[in-house]
Amino acid sequence: MKRLTTLGITLTALALVSSGCATKKFVLSELQAGLDAQRTETNTQISEVTTQIEENQTAISENSGAIEEQGVELEKASKTARDAYDRAIAAGKLAEGKLLYETVLSDSKVRFPTEKSSLSDEAKKALADFAMPLADENQNVFIEIQGHTDSTGPEAFNMSLGEQRAEAVRRYLNREHGFPLHRMSVISYGESEPAFDNKSKDGREQNRRVVLVVLR
């Protein structure tokens, strides 16, 4: 619109010259005013575009920082926690795409009956300690429950036992603490991801574990 106005001023000035109604000085003054207005408009548009570019670059920088921060958290996590994060992302289970923390219930502290999946009183107490803060904060989290075993016994049996123990934890959290079943999943690693050396008694106890990976 301003360009049309400038053009109109110019044409008017030329018309005035041709009709003898204005002096040459007046015409040049009008032309200069139109050019100055056009230059001011152009500079304003350039300034606005520059500001927008700077804002976009700031936003990109902030997003990159957030991605790098999340990457550091994932690097600090265990391999199986990173696996859980990838599975949850692929399944669209996470609202914010964050790995919050993981809790390990090892057999050295939370005894499972030998070759069975029923929860001991110690296991129930540990799960209550795990569940109450989440319930109090009312966090909309997703939990992957991972079952692990030592290397004693057949591999197929250990895979099944790990799943049974993870499923026992899932049912308990749902029944006793109200965690929705669709916000939890179970997986068994069996003996495939030992955290310690299976050659020692203590190592085998540590490997008989259930890991709860909390994501959001």
N, C-alpha and C. Protein backbone atom coordinates (compact mmCIF):
# COMPACT_ATOMS: atom_id res chain seq x y z
N MET A 1 0.83 -1.20 0.00
CA MET A 1 0.00 0.00 0.00
C MET A 1 0.86 1.24 0.00
N LYS A 2 1.96 1.21 0.83
CA LYS A 2 2.84 2.37 0.88
C LYS A 2 3.56 2.59 -0.44
N ARG A 3 3.86 1.47 -1.14
CA ARG A 3 4.49 1.60 -2.44
C ARG A 3 3.57 2.30 -3.43
N LEU A 4 2.29 1.98 -3.37
CA LEU A 4 1.31 2.63 -4.24
C LEU A 4 1.20 4.11 -3.90
N THR A 5 1.28 4.42 -2.59
CA THR A 5 1.22 5.82 -2.17
C THR A 5 2.40 6.60 -2.70
N THR A 6 3.60 5.98 -2.58
CA THR A 6 4.81 6.63 -3.09
C THR A 6 4.72 6.86 -4.58
N LEU A 7 4.24 5.84 -5.30
CA LEU A 7 4.07 5.97 -6.75
C LEU A 7 3.08 7.07 -7.08
N GLY A 8 2.02 7.17 -6.25
CA GLY A 8 1.01 8.20 -6.48
C GLY A 8 1.60 9.58 -6.31
N ILE A 9 2.44 9.74 -5.26
CA ILE A 9 3.09 11.04 -5.04
C ILE A 9 3.96 11.42 -6.22
N THR A 10 4.72 10.43 -6.70
CA THR A 10 5.62 10.68 -7.83
C THR A 10 4.85 11.10 -9.06
N LEU A 11 3.76 10.36 -9.36
CA LEU A 11 2.96 10.68 -10.55
C LEU A 11 2.31 12.05 -10.41
N THR A 12 1.87 12.33 -9.18
CA THR A 12 1.25 13.65 -8.95
C THR A 12 2.24 14.77 -9.17
N ALA A 13 3.47 14.55 -8.65
CA ALA A 13 4.50 15.56 -8.80
C ALA A 13 4.82 15.80 -10.26
N LEU A 14 4.93 14.70 -11.02
CA LEU A 14 5.22 14.83 -12.45
C LEU A 14 4.10 15.54 -13.17
N ALA A 15 2.89 15.25 -12.74
CA ALA A 15 1.74 15.90 -13.36
C ALA A 15 1.75 17.39 -13.09
N LEU A 16 2.15 17.75 -11.88
CA LEU A 16 2.22 19.16 -11.53
C LEU A 16 3.26 19.90 -12.35
N VAL A 17 4.39 19.20 -12.56
CA VAL A 17 5.44 19.81 -13.38
C VAL A 17 4.93 20.06 -14.78
N SER A 18 4.27 19.02 -15.35
CA SER A 18 3.79 19.14 -16.73
C SER A 18 2.73 20.21 -16.87
N SER A 19 1.99 20.45 -15.78
CA SER A 19 0.92 21.45 -15.86
C SER A 19 1.40 22.84 -15.47
N GLY A 20 2.65 22.91 -15.03
CA GLY A 20 3.21 24.20 -14.67
C GLY A 20 2.73 24.72 -13.36
N CYS A 21 2.17 23.81 -12.45
CA CYS A 21 1.60 24.25 -11.17
C CYS A 21 2.57 24.12 -10.02
N ALA A 22 3.78 23.70 -10.25
CA ALA A 22 4.73 23.54 -9.16
C ALA A 22 6.12 23.85 -9.65
N THR A 23 6.93 24.18 -8.73
CA THR A 23 8.31 24.47 -9.10
C THR A 23 9.12 23.19 -9.14
N LYS A 24 10.27 23.22 -9.78
CA LYS A 24 11.16 22.05 -9.84
C LYS A 24 11.63 21.67 -8.45
N LYS A 25 11.87 22.65 -7.61
CA LYS A 25 12.33 22.38 -6.25
C LYS A 25 11.28 21.60 -5.46
N PHE A 26 10.04 22.01 -5.62
CA PHE A 26 8.95 21.32 -4.91
C PHE A 26 8.84 19.87 -5.36
N VAL A 27 8.95 19.64 -6.67
CA VAL A 27 8.85 18.28 -7.21
C VAL A 27 9.97 17.40 -6.65
N LEU A 28 11.19 17.90 -6.63
CA LEU A 28 12.31 17.12 -6.10
C LEU A 28 12.13 16.82 -4.61
N SER A 29 11.56 17.78 -3.90
CA SER A 29 11.30 17.57 -2.47
C SER A 29 10.30 16.46 -2.24
N GLU A 30 9.25 16.44 -3.07
CA GLU A 30 8.24 15.40 -2.95
C GLU A 30 8.80 14.03 -3.30
N LEU A 31 9.64 14.01 -4.34
CA LEU A 31 10.26 12.73 -4.74
C LEU A 31 11.16 12.21 -3.63
N GLN A 32 11.94 13.09 -3.02
CA GLN A 32 12.85 12.68 -1.95
C GLN A 32 12.08 12.16 -0.73
N ALA A 33 10.95 12.82 -0.42
CA ALA A 33 10.12 12.37 0.70
C ALA A 33 9.58 10.98 0.46
N GLY A 34 9.15 10.72 -0.78
CA GLY A 34 8.65 9.39 -1.11
C GLY A 34 9.72 8.33 -1.00
N LEU A 35 10.93 8.66 -1.47
CA LEU A 35 12.05 7.71 -1.39
C LEU A 35 12.43 7.45 0.07
N ASP A 36 12.43 8.50 0.90
CA ASP A 36 12.76 8.33 2.31
C ASP A 36 11.74 7.44 3.01
N ALA A 37 10.46 7.61 2.68
CA ALA A 37 9.42 6.78 3.29
C ALA A 37 9.59 5.32 2.89
N GLN A 38 9.94 5.09 1.60
CA GLN A 38 10.13 3.72 1.13
C GLN A 38 11.34 3.08 1.81
N ARG A 39 12.40 3.89 1.99
CA ARG A 39 13.62 3.37 2.64
C ARG A 39 13.33 3.01 4.10
N THR A 40 12.55 3.85 4.77
CA THR A 40 12.20 3.58 6.18
C THR A 40 11.39 2.30 6.31
N GLU A 41 10.45 2.10 5.40
CA GLU A 41 9.62 0.88 5.42
C GLU A 41 10.48 -0.36 5.20
N THR A 42 11.42 -0.27 4.24
CA THR A 42 12.29 -1.42 3.95
C THR A 42 13.17 -1.75 5.15
N ASN A 43 13.74 -0.72 5.78
CA ASN A 43 14.59 -0.95 6.96
C ASN A 43 13.80 -1.59 8.10
N THR A 44 12.54 -1.13 8.25
CA THR A 44 11.69 -1.72 9.30
C THR A 44 11.43 -3.20 9.05
N GLN A 45 11.15 -3.54 7.79
CA GLN A 45 10.89 -4.95 7.44
C GLN A 45 12.13 -5.79 7.67
N ILE A 46 13.32 -5.26 7.31
CA ILE A 46 14.57 -6.00 7.52
C ILE A 46 14.79 -6.23 9.01
N SER A 47 14.52 -5.21 9.82
CA SER A 47 14.69 -5.32 11.27
C SER A 47 13.77 -6.39 11.86
N GLU A 48 12.51 -6.41 11.37
CA GLU A 48 11.56 -7.41 11.86
C GLU A 48 11.99 -8.81 11.50
N VAL A 49 12.47 -9.01 10.27
CA VAL A 49 12.92 -10.34 9.84
C VAL A 49 14.14 -10.77 10.64
N THR A 50 15.06 -9.83 10.90
CA THR A 50 16.26 -10.14 11.68
C THR A 50 15.89 -10.58 13.10
N THR A 51 14.93 -9.86 13.69
CA THR A 51 14.48 -10.21 15.04
C THR A 51 13.87 -11.61 15.07
N GLN A 52 13.06 -11.94 14.05
CA GLN A 52 12.44 -13.26 13.98
C GLN A 52 13.48 -14.36 13.85
N ILE A 53 14.51 -14.10 13.04
CA ILE A 53 15.58 -15.09 12.86
C ILE A 53 16.30 -15.33 14.18
N GLU A 54 16.58 -14.23 14.91
CA GLU A 54 17.26 -14.36 16.20
C GLU A 54 16.41 -15.16 17.19
N GLU A 55 15.09 -14.90 17.20
CA GLU A 55 14.20 -15.65 18.09
C GLU A 55 14.17 -17.13 17.74
N ASN A 56 14.15 -17.43 16.44
CA ASN A 56 14.16 -18.83 16.01
C ASN A 56 15.46 -19.52 16.40
N GLN A 57 16.57 -18.81 16.26
CA GLN A 57 17.86 -19.39 16.63
C GLN A 57 17.93 -19.66 18.13
N THR A 58 17.35 -18.76 18.93
CA THR A 58 17.31 -18.96 20.38
C THR A 58 16.49 -20.19 20.73
N ALA A 59 15.33 -20.34 20.08
CA ALA A 59 14.46 -21.50 20.34
C ALA A 59 15.17 -22.80 19.96
N ILE A 60 15.86 -22.78 18.82
CA ILE A 60 16.59 -23.98 18.39
C ILE A 60 17.68 -24.32 19.38
N SER A 61 18.37 -23.30 19.88
CA SER A 61 19.43 -23.52 20.85
C SER A 61 18.89 -24.11 22.14
N GLU A 62 17.73 -23.59 22.61
CA GLU A 62 17.13 -24.12 23.84
C GLU A 62 16.69 -25.57 23.66
N ASN A 63 16.10 -25.90 22.51
CA ASN A 63 15.68 -27.27 22.24
C ASN A 63 16.88 -28.20 22.17
N SER A 64 17.96 -27.74 21.56
CA SER A 64 19.17 -28.55 21.47
C SER A 64 19.71 -28.84 22.85
N GLY A 65 19.66 -27.81 23.73
CA GLY A 65 20.13 -28.00 25.09
C GLY A 65 19.31 -29.03 25.83
N ALA A 66 17.97 -29.00 25.63
CA ALA A 66 17.09 -29.97 26.27
C ALA A 66 17.38 -31.38 25.78
N ILE A 67 17.64 -31.52 24.47
CA ILE A 67 17.96 -32.83 23.91
C ILE A 67 19.27 -33.35 24.48
N GLU A 68 20.27 -32.45 24.57
CA GLU A 68 21.56 -32.87 25.12
C GLU A 68 21.43 -33.28 26.58
N GLU A 69 20.61 -32.53 27.34
CA GLU A 69 20.40 -32.87 28.75
C GLU A 69 19.76 -34.24 28.88
N GLN A 70 18.74 -34.53 28.05
CA GLN A 70 18.08 -35.83 28.08
C GLN A 70 19.07 -36.92 27.71
N GLY A 71 19.96 -36.63 26.73
CA GLY A 71 20.95 -37.62 26.31
C GLY A 71 21.90 -37.98 27.43
N VAL A 72 22.27 -36.99 28.26
CA VAL A 72 23.16 -37.25 29.39
C VAL A 72 22.47 -38.17 30.38
N GLU A 73 21.18 -37.92 30.65
CA GLU A 73 20.43 -38.78 31.56
C GLU A 73 20.39 -40.22 31.06
N LEU A 74 20.17 -40.38 29.77
CA LEU A 74 20.10 -41.72 29.21
C LEU A 74 21.46 -42.41 29.27
N GLU A 75 22.52 -41.65 29.06
CA GLU A 75 23.85 -42.25 29.11
C GLU A 75 24.19 -42.76 30.50
N LYS A 76 23.65 -42.09 31.53
CA LYS A 76 23.92 -42.51 32.89
C LYS A 76 23.11 -43.74 33.29
N ALA A 77 22.05 -44.01 32.57
CA ALA A 77 21.16 -45.12 32.91
C ALA A 77 21.77 -46.45 32.46
N SER A 78 21.24 -47.53 33.00
CA SER A 78 21.69 -48.86 32.60
C SER A 78 21.21 -49.17 31.18
N LYS A 79 21.80 -50.18 30.60
CA LYS A 79 21.42 -50.58 29.24
C LYS A 79 19.94 -50.97 29.19
N THR A 80 19.48 -51.71 30.19
CA THR A 80 18.09 -52.16 30.16
C THR A 80 17.12 -50.99 30.38
N ALA A 81 17.55 -49.97 31.13
CA ALA A 81 16.70 -48.78 31.28
C ALA A 81 16.61 -48.02 29.96
N ARG A 82 17.71 -47.96 29.24
CA ARG A 82 17.68 -47.32 27.92
C ARG A 82 16.80 -48.12 26.96
N ASP A 83 16.86 -49.44 27.08
CA ASP A 83 15.98 -50.30 26.27
C ASP A 83 14.51 -49.98 26.57
N ALA A 84 14.20 -49.84 27.86
CA ALA A 84 12.82 -49.55 28.27
C ALA A 84 12.37 -48.21 27.69
N TYR A 85 13.25 -47.23 27.73
CA TYR A 85 12.92 -45.91 27.17
C TYR A 85 12.61 -46.02 25.68
N ASP A 86 13.44 -46.74 24.95
CA ASP A 86 13.23 -46.89 23.50
C ASP A 86 11.91 -47.60 23.21
N ARG A 87 11.60 -48.64 23.99
CA ARG A 87 10.35 -49.37 23.78
C ARG A 87 9.14 -48.48 24.06
N ALA A 88 9.21 -47.70 25.13
CA ALA A 88 8.09 -46.83 25.49
C ALA A 88 7.88 -45.73 24.44
N ILE A 89 8.97 -45.19 23.94
CA ILE A 89 8.88 -44.17 22.89
C ILE A 89 8.24 -44.76 21.64
N ALA A 90 8.71 -45.95 21.25
CA ALA A 90 8.19 -46.61 20.05
C ALA A 90 6.70 -46.92 20.18
N ALA A 91 6.26 -47.23 21.40
CA ALA A 91 4.86 -47.57 21.63
C ALA A 91 4.00 -46.34 21.92
N GLY A 92 4.60 -45.17 21.95
CA GLY A 92 3.84 -43.94 22.22
C GLY A 92 3.29 -43.87 23.63
N LYS A 93 4.03 -44.39 24.60
CA LYS A 93 3.54 -44.45 25.97
C LYS A 93 3.89 -43.21 26.80
N LEU A 94 4.79 -42.38 26.32
CA LEU A 94 5.31 -41.29 27.15
C LEU A 94 4.72 -39.94 26.75
N ALA A 95 4.37 -39.17 27.77
CA ALA A 95 3.84 -37.83 27.52
C ALA A 95 4.95 -36.81 27.30
N GLU A 96 6.07 -36.97 28.00
CA GLU A 96 7.14 -36.00 27.93
C GLU A 96 8.45 -36.58 27.39
N GLY A 97 8.49 -37.87 27.20
CA GLY A 97 9.72 -38.48 26.67
C GLY A 97 10.89 -38.43 27.64
N LYS A 98 10.61 -38.64 28.93
CA LYS A 98 11.65 -38.55 29.94
C LYS A 98 11.85 -39.90 30.65
N LEU A 99 13.10 -40.21 30.91
CA LEU A 99 13.46 -41.33 31.78
C LEU A 99 13.72 -40.74 33.15
N LEU A 100 12.86 -41.05 34.13
CA LEU A 100 12.98 -40.44 35.45
C LEU A 100 14.01 -41.17 36.31
N TYR A 101 13.83 -42.46 36.54
CA TYR A 101 14.78 -43.22 37.35
C TYR A 101 14.45 -44.70 37.25
N GLU A 102 15.32 -45.51 37.82
CA GLU A 102 15.06 -46.95 37.90
C GLU A 102 15.32 -47.42 39.33
N THR A 103 14.51 -48.37 39.77
CA THR A 103 14.64 -48.94 41.10
C THR A 103 14.90 -50.43 40.97
N VAL A 104 15.89 -50.92 41.70
CA VAL A 104 16.28 -52.33 41.62
C VAL A 104 15.89 -53.04 42.90
N LEU A 105 15.13 -54.11 42.77
CA LEU A 105 14.79 -54.99 43.89
C LEU A 105 15.57 -56.28 43.69
N SER A 106 16.70 -56.39 44.37
CA SER A 106 17.55 -57.57 44.18
C SER A 106 17.22 -58.63 45.22
N ASP A 107 17.56 -59.86 44.89
CA ASP A 107 17.23 -60.98 45.76
C ASP A 107 18.05 -60.97 47.05
N SER A 108 19.15 -60.19 47.06
CA SER A 108 19.93 -60.09 48.29
C SER A 108 19.19 -59.28 49.35
N LYS A 109 18.24 -58.44 48.91
CA LYS A 109 17.47 -57.61 49.85
C LYS A 109 16.00 -58.00 49.89
N VAL A 110 15.46 -58.38 48.73
CA VAL A 110 14.03 -58.71 48.61
C VAL A 110 13.93 -60.16 48.14
N ARG A 111 13.74 -61.05 49.07
CA ARG A 111 13.80 -62.48 48.75
C ARG A 111 12.56 -62.96 48.01
N PHE A 112 12.82 -63.63 46.89
CA PHE A 112 11.78 -64.41 46.24
C PHE A 112 11.98 -65.87 46.66
N PRO A 113 10.91 -66.62 46.87
CA PRO A 113 11.09 -68.05 47.13
C PRO A 113 11.86 -68.70 45.98
N THR A 114 12.67 -69.68 46.29
CA THR A 114 13.51 -70.32 45.28
C THR A 114 12.67 -70.84 44.11
N GLU A 115 13.04 -70.40 42.91
CA GLU A 115 12.40 -70.81 41.66
C GLU A 115 10.89 -70.51 41.64
N LYS A 116 10.47 -69.50 42.43
CA LYS A 116 9.06 -69.12 42.43
C LYS A 116 8.93 -67.61 42.26
N SER A 117 7.69 -67.17 42.00
CA SER A 117 7.47 -65.76 41.69
C SER A 117 6.62 -65.03 42.73
N SER A 118 6.17 -65.73 43.77
CA SER A 118 5.33 -65.07 44.77
C SER A 118 6.15 -64.04 45.55
N LEU A 119 5.49 -62.96 45.96
CA LEU A 119 6.20 -61.86 46.62
C LEU A 119 6.30 -62.12 48.12
N SER A 120 7.50 -61.91 48.65
CA SER A 120 7.70 -62.03 50.09
C SER A 120 7.22 -60.76 50.77
N ASP A 121 7.15 -60.77 52.10
CA ASP A 121 6.77 -59.57 52.84
C ASP A 121 7.77 -58.45 52.60
N GLU A 122 9.07 -58.81 52.49
CA GLU A 122 10.08 -57.79 52.21
C GLU A 122 9.85 -57.14 50.85
N ALA A 123 9.46 -57.95 49.87
CA ALA A 123 9.20 -57.43 48.53
C ALA A 123 7.99 -56.48 48.54
N LYS A 124 6.95 -56.86 49.27
CA LYS A 124 5.76 -56.01 49.35
C LYS A 124 6.08 -54.68 50.03
N LYS A 125 6.91 -54.73 51.07
CA LYS A 125 7.31 -53.50 51.76
C LYS A 125 8.11 -52.60 50.81
N ALA A 126 9.02 -53.19 50.06
CA ALA A 126 9.83 -52.41 49.13
C ALA A 126 8.97 -51.79 48.03
N LEU A 127 7.98 -52.53 47.56
CA LEU A 127 7.09 -52.00 46.53
C LEU A 127 6.20 -50.89 47.07
N ALA A 128 5.79 -51.00 48.34
CA ALA A 128 5.01 -49.93 48.95
C ALA A 128 5.84 -48.65 49.05
N ASP A 129 7.11 -48.80 49.42
CA ASP A 129 8.01 -47.64 49.49
C ASP A 129 8.21 -47.03 48.11
N PHE A 130 8.21 -47.86 47.09
CA PHE A 130 8.36 -47.38 45.72
C PHE A 130 7.09 -46.66 45.25
N ALA A 131 5.93 -47.21 45.60
CA ALA A 131 4.67 -46.73 45.04
C ALA A 131 4.16 -45.46 45.70
N MET A 132 4.34 -45.32 47.01
CA MET A 132 3.70 -44.22 47.73
C MET A 132 4.12 -42.83 47.24
N PRO A 133 5.40 -42.56 47.01
CA PRO A 133 5.75 -41.22 46.51
C PRO A 133 5.11 -40.91 45.16
N LEU A 134 5.04 -41.89 44.28
CA LEU A 134 4.41 -41.67 42.98
C LEU A 134 2.92 -41.39 43.13
N ALA A 135 2.28 -42.12 44.03
CA ALA A 135 0.84 -41.91 44.25
C ALA A 135 0.59 -40.54 44.88
N ASP A 136 1.44 -40.15 45.84
CA ASP A 136 1.26 -38.86 46.50
C ASP A 136 1.44 -37.70 45.53
N GLU A 137 2.40 -37.83 44.60
CA GLU A 137 2.65 -36.76 43.64
C GLU A 137 1.70 -36.83 42.44
N ASN A 138 0.94 -37.93 42.37
CA ASN A 138 -0.04 -38.11 41.29
C ASN A 138 0.61 -37.95 39.92
N GLN A 139 1.78 -38.52 39.75
CA GLN A 139 2.50 -38.40 38.49
C GLN A 139 1.95 -39.40 37.48
N ASN A 140 1.74 -38.91 36.29
CA ASN A 140 1.24 -39.75 35.21
C ASN A 140 2.43 -40.45 34.54
N VAL A 141 2.93 -41.48 35.23
CA VAL A 141 4.15 -42.14 34.76
C VAL A 141 3.82 -43.46 34.07
N PHE A 142 4.82 -43.96 33.36
CA PHE A 142 4.75 -45.29 32.77
C PHE A 142 5.88 -46.11 33.38
N ILE A 143 5.59 -47.34 33.75
CA ILE A 143 6.57 -48.18 34.43
C ILE A 143 6.80 -49.45 33.63
N GLU A 144 8.05 -49.72 33.28
CA GLU A 144 8.39 -51.03 32.72
C GLU A 144 9.02 -51.85 33.84
N ILE A 145 8.49 -53.05 34.03
CA ILE A 145 8.96 -53.95 35.09
C ILE A 145 9.75 -55.08 34.43
N GLN A 146 11.01 -55.17 34.79
CA GLN A 146 11.92 -56.12 34.14
C GLN A 146 12.29 -57.23 35.12
N GLY A 147 12.14 -58.47 34.66
CA GLY A 147 12.53 -59.61 35.47
C GLY A 147 13.88 -60.16 35.03
N HIS A 148 14.78 -60.38 35.99
CA HIS A 148 16.11 -60.91 35.72
C HIS A 148 16.38 -62.11 36.63
N THR A 149 17.20 -63.01 36.18
CA THR A 149 17.56 -64.18 36.98
C THR A 149 19.07 -64.39 36.94
N ASP A 150 19.54 -65.32 37.77
CA ASP A 150 20.93 -65.73 37.63
C ASP A 150 21.01 -66.80 36.54
N SER A 151 22.19 -67.37 36.38
CA SER A 151 22.37 -68.33 35.28
C SER A 151 22.14 -69.78 35.71
N THR A 152 21.67 -69.97 36.95
CA THR A 152 21.39 -71.33 37.40
C THR A 152 20.12 -71.84 36.72
N GLY A 153 20.18 -73.05 36.21
CA GLY A 153 19.00 -73.63 35.57
C GLY A 153 18.97 -73.36 34.07
N PRO A 154 18.02 -74.01 33.36
CA PRO A 154 17.91 -73.87 31.91
C PRO A 154 17.56 -72.42 31.52
N GLU A 155 18.05 -72.00 30.40
CA GLU A 155 17.81 -70.63 29.94
C GLU A 155 16.33 -70.34 29.73
N ALA A 156 15.62 -71.31 29.14
CA ALA A 156 14.19 -71.11 28.88
C ALA A 156 13.42 -70.99 30.19
N PHE A 157 13.79 -71.78 31.20
CA PHE A 157 13.13 -71.69 32.50
C PHE A 157 13.37 -70.33 33.13
N ASN A 158 14.60 -69.83 33.04
CA ASN A 158 14.93 -68.53 33.62
C ASN A 158 14.17 -67.40 32.92
N MET A 159 14.00 -67.52 31.62
CA MET A 159 13.24 -66.50 30.89
C MET A 159 11.80 -66.46 31.39
N SER A 160 11.22 -67.64 31.59
CA SER A 160 9.85 -67.71 32.08
C SER A 160 9.75 -67.21 33.53
N LEU A 161 10.72 -67.58 34.36
CA LEU A 161 10.71 -67.17 35.77
C LEU A 161 10.83 -65.65 35.90
N GLY A 162 11.69 -65.05 35.08
CA GLY A 162 11.83 -63.59 35.11
C GLY A 162 10.52 -62.90 34.77
N GLU A 163 9.80 -63.42 33.80
CA GLU A 163 8.52 -62.83 33.42
C GLU A 163 7.49 -63.01 34.52
N GLN A 164 7.47 -64.17 35.15
CA GLN A 164 6.51 -64.42 36.22
C GLN A 164 6.73 -63.47 37.39
N ARG A 165 7.98 -63.22 37.75
CA ARG A 165 8.27 -62.32 38.86
C ARG A 165 7.90 -60.88 38.51
N ALA A 166 8.18 -60.48 37.29
CA ALA A 166 7.81 -59.13 36.85
C ALA A 166 6.29 -58.97 36.84
N GLU A 167 5.60 -59.98 36.39
CA GLU A 167 4.14 -59.93 36.34
C GLU A 167 3.55 -59.90 37.76
N ALA A 168 4.18 -60.61 38.70
CA ALA A 168 3.71 -60.58 40.09
C ALA A 168 3.82 -59.17 40.66
N VAL A 169 4.89 -58.46 40.32
CA VAL A 169 5.06 -57.08 40.77
C VAL A 169 3.99 -56.19 40.12
N ARG A 170 3.73 -56.38 38.85
CA ARG A 170 2.72 -55.59 38.14
C ARG A 170 1.34 -55.77 38.77
N ARG A 171 0.96 -57.00 39.04
CA ARG A 171 -0.35 -57.26 39.64
C ARG A 171 -0.46 -56.65 41.03
N TYR A 172 0.62 -56.72 41.79
CA TYR A 172 0.61 -56.18 43.15
C TYR A 172 0.46 -54.65 43.12
N LEU A 173 1.19 -53.98 42.24
CA LEU A 173 1.10 -52.53 42.14
C LEU A 173 -0.31 -52.09 41.70
N ASN A 174 -0.93 -52.89 40.86
CA ASN A 174 -2.29 -52.58 40.42
C ASN A 174 -3.30 -52.84 41.54
N ARG A 175 -3.20 -53.97 42.15
CA ARG A 175 -4.20 -54.39 43.14
C ARG A 175 -4.08 -53.59 44.44
N GLU A 176 -2.87 -53.37 44.92
CA GLU A 176 -2.68 -52.77 46.23
C GLU A 176 -2.46 -51.26 46.19
N HIS A 177 -1.99 -50.75 45.06
CA HIS A 177 -1.63 -49.33 45.00
C HIS A 177 -2.31 -48.59 43.85
N GLY A 178 -3.17 -49.27 43.12
CA GLY A 178 -4.01 -48.61 42.13
C GLY A 178 -3.33 -48.14 40.86
N PHE A 179 -2.14 -48.66 40.56
CA PHE A 179 -1.49 -48.28 39.32
C PHE A 179 -2.25 -48.92 38.14
N PRO A 180 -2.65 -48.14 37.15
CA PRO A 180 -3.40 -48.71 36.01
C PRO A 180 -2.55 -49.74 35.26
N LEU A 181 -3.18 -50.83 34.88
CA LEU A 181 -2.44 -51.88 34.17
C LEU A 181 -1.87 -51.38 32.84
N HIS A 182 -2.61 -50.47 32.17
CA HIS A 182 -2.12 -50.01 30.87
C HIS A 182 -0.95 -49.04 30.99
N ARG A 183 -0.64 -48.62 32.24
CA ARG A 183 0.52 -47.76 32.45
C ARG A 183 1.72 -48.56 32.93
N MET A 184 1.63 -49.88 32.82
CA MET A 184 2.75 -50.74 33.21
C MET A 184 2.92 -51.83 32.15
N SER A 185 4.15 -52.24 31.94
CA SER A 185 4.43 -53.37 31.06
C SER A 185 5.48 -54.25 31.72
N VAL A 186 5.53 -55.50 31.31
CA VAL A 186 6.53 -56.42 31.86
C VAL A 186 7.37 -57.00 30.74
N ILE A 187 8.60 -57.32 31.09
CA ILE A 187 9.49 -57.98 30.15
C ILE A 187 10.49 -58.81 30.95
N SER A 188 10.89 -59.93 30.40
CA SER A 188 11.88 -60.77 31.05
C SER A 188 13.18 -60.75 30.25
N TYR A 189 14.27 -60.54 30.97
CA TYR A 189 15.60 -60.69 30.38
C TYR A 189 16.20 -62.04 30.75
N GLY A 190 15.51 -62.74 31.66
CA GLY A 190 16.06 -64.02 32.10
C GLY A 190 17.48 -63.84 32.64
N GLU A 191 18.39 -64.67 32.17
CA GLU A 191 19.78 -64.61 32.61
C GLU A 191 20.67 -63.80 31.66
N SER A 192 20.06 -63.16 30.65
CA SER A 192 20.84 -62.56 29.56
C SER A 192 21.54 -61.25 29.90
N GLU A 193 21.13 -60.58 30.98
CA GLU A 193 21.74 -59.29 31.33
C GLU A 193 22.20 -59.30 32.79
N PRO A 194 23.22 -60.10 33.11
CA PRO A 194 23.69 -60.13 34.50
C PRO A 194 24.33 -58.80 34.90
N ALA A 195 24.03 -58.36 36.12
CA ALA A 195 24.66 -57.15 36.63
C ALA A 195 25.96 -57.47 37.36
N PHE A 196 26.10 -58.74 37.79
CA PHE A 196 27.28 -59.17 38.52
C PHE A 196 27.70 -60.55 38.01
N ASP A 197 28.85 -60.99 38.46
CA ASP A 197 29.40 -62.28 38.04
C ASP A 197 28.59 -63.42 38.67
N ASN A 198 28.08 -64.31 37.84
CA ASN A 198 27.29 -65.43 38.33
C ASN A 198 28.12 -66.52 39.00
N LYS A 199 29.43 -66.36 38.99
CA LYS A 199 30.29 -67.40 39.58
C LYS A 199 30.29 -67.36 41.11
N SER A 200 29.88 -66.24 41.68
CA SER A 200 29.85 -66.12 43.14
C SER A 200 28.41 -66.14 43.64
N LYS A 201 28.24 -66.55 44.90
CA LYS A 201 26.91 -66.58 45.50
C LYS A 201 26.32 -65.18 45.56
N ASP A 202 27.15 -64.21 45.99
CA ASP A 202 26.66 -62.83 46.09
C ASP A 202 26.27 -62.29 44.72
N GLY A 203 27.06 -62.61 43.70
CA GLY A 203 26.74 -62.16 42.35
C GLY A 203 25.43 -62.73 41.86
N ARG A 204 25.19 -64.01 42.14
CA ARG A 204 23.92 -64.64 41.72
C ARG A 204 22.74 -64.00 42.44
N GLU A 205 22.91 -63.67 43.73
CA GLU A 205 21.83 -63.01 44.47
C GLU A 205 21.49 -61.64 43.87
N GLN A 206 22.52 -60.91 43.50
CA GLN A 206 22.30 -59.59 42.91
C GLN A 206 21.64 -59.70 41.53
N ASN A 207 21.95 -60.76 40.82
CA ASN A 207 21.37 -60.94 39.48
C ASN A 207 19.91 -61.38 39.53
N ARG A 208 19.49 -61.99 40.62
CA ARG A 208 18.08 -62.34 40.77
C ARG A 208 17.33 -61.09 41.23
N ARG A 209 16.84 -60.34 40.27
CA ARG A 209 16.32 -59.00 40.59
C ARG A 209 15.14 -58.65 39.71
N VAL A 210 14.37 -57.71 40.21
CA VAL A 210 13.32 -57.06 39.42
C VAL A 210 13.67 -55.57 39.36
N VAL A 211 13.65 -55.01 38.17
CA VAL A 211 13.99 -53.60 37.96
C VAL A 211 12.74 -52.86 37.50
N LEU A 212 12.44 -51.77 38.18
CA LEU A 212 11.31 -50.93 37.79
C LEU A 212 11.85 -49.65 37.16
N VAL A 213 11.58 -49.45 35.88
CA VAL A 213 12.04 -48.27 35.15
C VAL A 213 10.87 -47.30 35.04
N VAL A 214 11.04 -46.12 35.60
CA VAL A 214 9.96 -45.12 35.67
C VAL A 214 10.19 -44.06 34.60
N LEU A 215 9.19 -43.90 33.73
CA LEU A 215 9.30 -42.95 32.62
C LEU A 215 8.08 -42.05 32.60
N ARG A 216 8.22 -40.91 31.88
CA ARG A 216 7.06 -40.02 31.78
C ARG A 216 7.04 -39.37 30.38
